Amino acid sequence: MPHAKVNGINIFYEIHGEGEPLVLVPGLGSDATRWYRNLPGLAKEFRVITLDNRGAGRTDKPDEPYSMKIFADDIAGLLDVLGVAKTHLFGVSMGGMISLNFGVLHGDRLISLIPGCTRPGGVHSVADGAGGAVLNPDLVNRLSPEERNRMLLPELWSEAFIRANPALVDEYVKKVSQYAASPASYRRQMTAADAHDVYDRLDEITAPTLVIHGENDRLIPAANAAIIADRIRGAELVILEGLGHGFYSEQPEKVNGILIDFMKRHPAR
């Protein structure tokens, strides 16, 4: 499995397809397997780079504090190793926080920026929704990865979709439970997410930006998307009707189409 030495740790990554680079950044406790429903479509159009953030999946989990700056610097370092000067960047949830910080700290490396189902941070965020209880770190200790991901799924996908697709639910839970974060590294990631606050610097982002969010997000309310889009000059805003926090994996064809359309309208110069 490919790893790159970045900022003193080994970062797991994969590359799929050809074309302009597109980095996908997963959320809290997640890893690159979360993108398995999106990858086939995106890799037909782009050179898709997936990674496991530090503290998750097959990437090292150093016993030290994490921060959004460190996560963003890890991505910049991975791009250096891969010889990628500029990239499209799509991150969801905590990965969306990382993408916003990347836009502020490494904006010159962006072709375009797509923060998904995320928040600006600090007092300017709309408080997390009722579904946030399932992110409690204690559940990582008490439940198996499969049990926890099955419990989390109703906060990601719509009830109707889950009822109509039992085989897909089983497949998804099995795939995303392969490389579970340890309780300690999960807590370090959560601490970094709790400290995230880039609101005052969002106006420094100059790359073409698409802010995308599910209308029925019970983890990070969709009102956060409007706040982010309002702070980034020229940002486009897409609120997906009837979808929640896992909009990208519930409706991958629809979401891929939106992402591809946006990135094709904003190619590398």
Protein backbone atom coordinates (compact mmCIF):
# COMPACT_ATOMS: atom_id res chain seq x y z
CA MET A 1 0.00 0.00 0.00
CA PRO A 2 1.45 3.40 -0.95
CA HIS A 3 2.65 5.71 1.80
CA ALA A 4 4.45 9.03 1.66
CA LYS A 5 6.75 10.43 4.35
CA VAL A 6 5.25 13.81 5.22
CA ASN A 7 5.89 16.00 8.26
CA GLY A 8 7.53 13.13 10.08
CA ILE A 9 4.74 10.59 9.58
CA ASN A 10 3.73 8.04 6.96
CA ILE A 11 0.56 9.11 5.15
CA PHE A 12 -1.47 6.53 3.25
CA TYR A 13 -2.75 7.61 -0.15
CA GLU A 14 -4.14 6.19 -3.37
CA ILE A 15 -4.37 7.61 -6.89
CA HIS A 16 -7.19 6.75 -9.30
CA GLY A 17 -7.70 7.96 -12.86
CA GLU A 18 -6.03 10.65 -14.94
CA GLY A 19 -6.49 14.35 -15.59
CA GLU A 20 -6.38 17.37 -13.34
CA PRO A 21 -5.72 16.38 -9.71
CA LEU A 22 -8.56 16.21 -7.20
CA VAL A 23 -7.84 15.53 -3.53
CA LEU A 24 -10.63 14.01 -1.40
CA VAL A 25 -10.38 14.67 2.36
CA PRO A 26 -12.41 12.45 4.72
CA GLY A 27 -14.03 13.45 8.00
CA LEU A 28 -13.67 12.67 11.68
CA GLY A 29 -12.31 9.18 12.31
CA SER A 30 -12.82 8.30 8.64
CA ASP A 31 -10.42 7.18 5.95
CA ALA A 32 -10.24 6.89 2.18
CA THR A 33 -12.67 3.96 2.06
CA ARG A 34 -15.52 6.47 2.60
CA TRP A 35 -15.20 7.53 -1.04
CA TYR A 36 -15.74 4.13 -2.62
CA ARG A 37 -19.15 5.08 -4.06
CA ASN A 38 -17.82 8.30 -5.60
CA LEU A 39 -14.47 7.13 -6.91
CA PRO A 40 -15.52 5.35 -10.11
CA GLY A 41 -17.33 8.40 -11.49
CA LEU A 42 -14.80 10.99 -10.38
CA ALA A 43 -11.82 8.96 -11.62
CA LYS A 44 -13.25 9.00 -15.14
CA GLU A 45 -12.65 12.76 -15.25
CA PHE A 46 -9.85 13.50 -12.78
CA ARG A 47 -6.67 12.17 -11.21
CA VAL A 48 -8.25 11.48 -7.82
CA ILE A 49 -5.96 11.43 -4.80
CA THR A 50 -7.45 9.94 -1.64
CA LEU A 51 -5.72 9.87 1.72
CA ASP A 52 -6.16 8.87 5.33
CA ASN A 53 -5.71 11.86 7.64
CA ARG A 54 -3.18 11.53 10.44
CA GLY A 55 -4.75 9.57 13.25
CA ALA A 56 -7.02 7.54 10.98
CA GLY A 57 -6.96 4.53 8.70
CA ARG A 58 -3.57 3.39 7.46
CA THR A 59 -1.79 6.67 8.21
CA ASP A 60 0.40 7.02 11.31
CA LYS A 61 -1.27 8.06 14.56
CA PRO A 62 1.33 10.02 16.52
CA ASP A 63 0.66 10.53 20.21
CA GLU A 64 0.66 14.34 20.08
CA PRO A 65 -1.92 17.11 19.61
CA TYR A 66 -3.47 17.52 16.16
CA SER A 67 -4.73 20.73 14.61
CA MET A 68 -6.37 21.95 11.43
CA LYS A 69 -3.07 23.57 10.44
CA ILE A 70 -1.26 20.26 10.80
CA PHE A 71 -3.90 18.45 8.72
CA ALA A 72 -3.69 21.13 6.00
CA ASP A 73 0.12 21.04 6.06
CA ASP A 74 -0.01 17.24 5.69
CA ILE A 75 -1.96 17.62 2.45
CA ALA A 76 0.46 20.25 1.14
CA GLY A 77 3.34 17.95 1.99
CA LEU A 78 1.70 15.02 0.23
CA LEU A 79 1.24 17.17 -2.87
CA ASP A 80 4.94 18.02 -2.74
CA VAL A 81 5.87 14.33 -2.61
CA LEU A 82 3.57 13.58 -5.55
CA GLY A 83 4.84 16.54 -7.57
CA VAL A 84 1.41 18.20 -7.71
CA ALA A 85 1.60 21.98 -7.89
CA LYS A 86 -2.14 22.72 -7.75
CA THR A 87 -5.25 20.67 -7.13
CA HIS A 88 -8.99 20.70 -6.80
CA LEU A 89 -9.88 19.90 -3.18
CA PHE A 90 -13.11 18.39 -1.83
CA GLY A 91 -13.44 17.73 1.89
CA VAL A 92 -16.45 16.73 3.97
CA SER A 93 -17.30 17.31 7.63
CA MET A 94 -13.95 17.56 9.46
CA GLY A 95 -12.42 17.16 6.00
CA GLY A 96 -14.36 20.29 5.03
CA MET A 97 -12.76 22.11 7.96
CA ILE A 98 -9.37 20.92 6.74
CA SER A 99 -10.19 22.12 3.22
CA LEU A 100 -11.11 25.60 4.50
CA ASN A 101 -7.86 25.80 6.43
CA PHE A 102 -5.97 24.60 3.36
CA GLY A 103 -7.63 27.39 1.38
CA VAL A 104 -6.38 29.97 3.87
CA LEU A 105 -2.90 28.52 4.47
CA HIS A 106 -2.09 27.06 1.05
CA GLY A 107 -4.45 28.91 -1.28
CA ASP A 108 -1.80 29.14 -3.98
CA ARG A 109 -2.00 25.33 -4.33
CA LEU A 110 -5.70 25.35 -5.24
CA ILE A 111 -7.40 25.08 -8.61
CA SER A 112 -10.77 25.06 -6.86
CA LEU A 113 -12.12 24.43 -3.38
CA ILE A 114 -15.23 22.42 -2.38
CA PRO A 115 -15.99 22.35 1.36
CA GLY A 116 -18.87 19.99 2.13
CA CYS A 117 -21.16 19.58 5.17
CA THR A 118 -18.87 21.64 7.36
CA ARG A 119 -18.78 24.76 9.52
CA PRO A 120 -16.69 27.96 9.76
CA GLY A 121 -15.86 27.37 13.42
CA GLY A 122 -16.04 29.30 16.65
CA VAL A 123 -18.95 31.49 17.68
CA HIS A 124 -19.93 32.02 14.05
CA SER A 125 -20.94 28.38 13.58
CA VAL A 126 -24.49 27.19 13.93
CA ALA A 127 -24.43 24.66 16.77
CA ASP A 128 -24.17 20.98 15.89
CA GLY A 129 -27.48 19.18 15.45
CA ALA A 130 -29.22 16.51 17.48
CA GLY A 131 -27.42 13.73 15.65
CA GLY A 132 -24.07 14.79 17.09
CA ALA A 133 -24.49 12.46 20.06
CA VAL A 134 -23.34 9.54 17.91
CA LEU A 135 -19.91 11.19 17.59
CA ASN A 136 -19.26 10.74 21.32
CA PRO A 137 -15.72 9.36 21.70
CA ASP A 138 -16.95 6.96 24.39
CA LEU A 139 -18.79 5.02 21.69
CA VAL A 140 -15.46 4.28 20.02
CA ASN A 141 -14.45 2.49 23.21
CA ARG A 142 -17.71 0.63 23.77
CA LEU A 143 -18.74 -0.44 20.25
CA SER A 144 -17.07 -2.39 17.50
CA PRO A 145 -16.34 -0.41 14.30
CA GLU A 146 -19.24 -2.19 12.58
CA GLU A 147 -21.66 -1.41 15.41
CA ARG A 148 -20.62 2.22 15.51
CA ASN A 149 -20.85 2.75 11.75
CA ARG A 150 -24.27 1.11 11.65
CA MET A 151 -25.41 3.41 14.46
CA LEU A 152 -24.02 6.43 12.61
CA LEU A 153 -25.68 5.63 9.29
CA PRO A 154 -29.13 7.13 10.09
CA GLU A 155 -27.33 10.43 10.68
CA LEU A 156 -25.75 10.20 7.21
CA TRP A 157 -28.43 8.79 4.91
CA SER A 158 -32.18 9.33 4.70
CA GLU A 159 -34.46 6.82 6.37
CA ALA A 160 -36.14 5.97 3.09
CA PHE A 161 -32.83 5.25 1.38
CA ILE A 162 -31.69 2.99 4.22
CA ARG A 163 -34.96 1.03 4.17
CA ALA A 164 -34.83 0.58 0.40
CA ASN A 165 -31.18 -0.56 0.26
CA PRO A 166 -30.43 -3.13 2.99
CA ALA A 167 -27.70 -4.85 0.94
CA LEU A 168 -25.99 -1.54 0.28
CA VAL A 169 -26.15 -0.70 3.98
CA ASP A 170 -24.38 -3.97 4.83
CA GLU A 171 -21.78 -3.39 2.11
CA TYR A 172 -21.11 0.18 3.26
CA VAL A 173 -20.75 -0.74 6.93
CA LYS A 174 -18.34 -3.54 6.07
CA LYS A 175 -16.17 -1.37 3.82
CA VAL A 176 -15.87 1.69 6.05
CA SER A 177 -15.20 -0.39 9.18
CA GLN A 178 -11.99 -1.97 7.89
CA TYR A 179 -9.54 0.61 9.25
CA ALA A 180 -11.11 2.09 12.36
CA ALA A 181 -9.41 4.92 14.22
CA SER A 182 -8.19 4.09 17.73
CA PRO A 183 -10.04 5.76 20.62
CA ALA A 184 -6.98 7.92 21.39
CA SER A 185 -6.47 9.16 17.83
CA TYR A 186 -10.23 9.73 17.42
CA ARG A 187 -10.16 11.99 20.47
CA ARG A 188 -7.17 13.89 19.10
CA GLN A 189 -9.01 14.48 15.83
CA MET A 190 -12.15 15.58 17.67
CA THR A 191 -10.15 18.03 19.79
CA ALA A 192 -8.72 19.54 16.61
CA ALA A 193 -12.21 19.80 15.07
CA ASP A 194 -13.58 21.45 18.21
CA ALA A 195 -10.80 24.08 18.05
CA HIS A 196 -11.42 24.82 14.35
CA ASP A 197 -12.20 28.49 13.69
CA VAL A 198 -11.33 30.04 10.35
CA TYR A 199 -14.28 32.41 10.00
CA ASP A 200 -12.22 35.60 10.18
CA ARG A 201 -9.90 34.42 7.40
CA LEU A 202 -12.40 32.98 4.93
CA ASP A 203 -12.30 36.19 2.91
CA GLU A 204 -8.64 35.41 2.15
CA ILE A 205 -9.69 32.45 -0.02
CA THR A 206 -9.50 33.45 -3.68
CA ALA A 207 -9.86 30.09 -5.42
CA PRO A 208 -13.20 29.31 -7.10
CA THR A 209 -15.29 27.79 -4.32
CA LEU A 210 -18.38 25.61 -4.20
CA VAL A 211 -19.98 25.17 -0.76
CA ILE A 212 -22.20 22.09 -0.69
CA HIS A 213 -24.41 20.73 2.10
CA GLY A 214 -27.36 18.42 2.67
CA GLU A 215 -30.59 20.19 3.60
CA ASN A 216 -31.40 17.69 6.37
CA ASP A 217 -27.95 17.45 7.97
CA ARG A 218 -28.46 16.42 11.62
CA LEU A 219 -24.76 16.59 12.51
CA ILE A 220 -23.69 19.98 11.12
CA PRO A 221 -26.74 22.11 10.24
CA ALA A 222 -26.98 23.38 6.68
CA ALA A 223 -27.14 27.00 7.88
CA ASN A 224 -23.36 26.79 8.27
CA ALA A 225 -22.98 26.49 4.50
CA ALA A 226 -24.58 29.87 3.88
CA ILE A 227 -22.26 31.49 6.44
CA ILE A 228 -19.20 30.05 4.70
CA ALA A 229 -20.39 30.95 1.20
CA ASP A 230 -21.15 34.51 2.29
CA ARG A 231 -17.58 34.95 3.56
CA ILE A 232 -15.80 33.68 0.41
CA ARG A 233 -15.96 36.08 -2.50
CA GLY A 234 -17.83 34.62 -5.46
CA ALA A 235 -18.55 31.29 -3.76
CA GLU A 236 -21.36 29.16 -5.12
CA LEU A 237 -23.78 27.50 -2.71
CA VAL A 238 -25.62 24.22 -3.27
CA ILE A 239 -28.08 22.86 -0.69
CA LEU A 240 -29.20 19.34 -1.57
CA GLU A 241 -32.88 18.82 -0.89
CA GLY A 242 -33.78 15.78 1.19
CA LEU A 243 -30.18 14.74 1.86
CA GLY A 244 -28.16 14.72 5.07
CA HIS A 245 -24.57 14.65 6.24
CA GLY A 246 -23.63 11.73 3.99
CA PHE A 247 -25.09 13.30 0.84
CA TYR A 248 -22.06 12.34 -1.27
CA SER A 249 -22.37 8.61 -0.53
CA GLU A 250 -26.17 8.43 -0.57
CA GLN A 251 -26.44 10.01 -4.02
CA PRO A 252 -22.96 9.65 -5.57
CA GLU A 253 -24.06 10.06 -9.20
CA LYS A 254 -25.94 13.27 -8.48
CA VAL A 255 -23.19 14.72 -6.31
CA ASN A 256 -20.43 13.66 -8.70
CA GLY A 257 -22.29 15.47 -11.48
CA ILE A 258 -22.41 18.68 -9.44
CA LEU A 259 -18.74 18.45 -8.53
CA ILE A 260 -17.59 17.61 -12.05
CA ASP A 261 -19.63 20.42 -13.56
CA PHE A 262 -18.11 22.91 -11.11
CA MET A 263 -14.53 21.73 -11.60
CA LYS A 264 -14.88 21.65 -15.39
CA ARG A 265 -16.07 25.27 -15.26
CA HIS A 266 -12.98 26.15 -13.21
CA PRO A 267 -10.05 24.30 -14.79
CA ALA A 268 -6.38 24.88 -14.03
CA ARG A 269 -5.01 27.97 -15.71
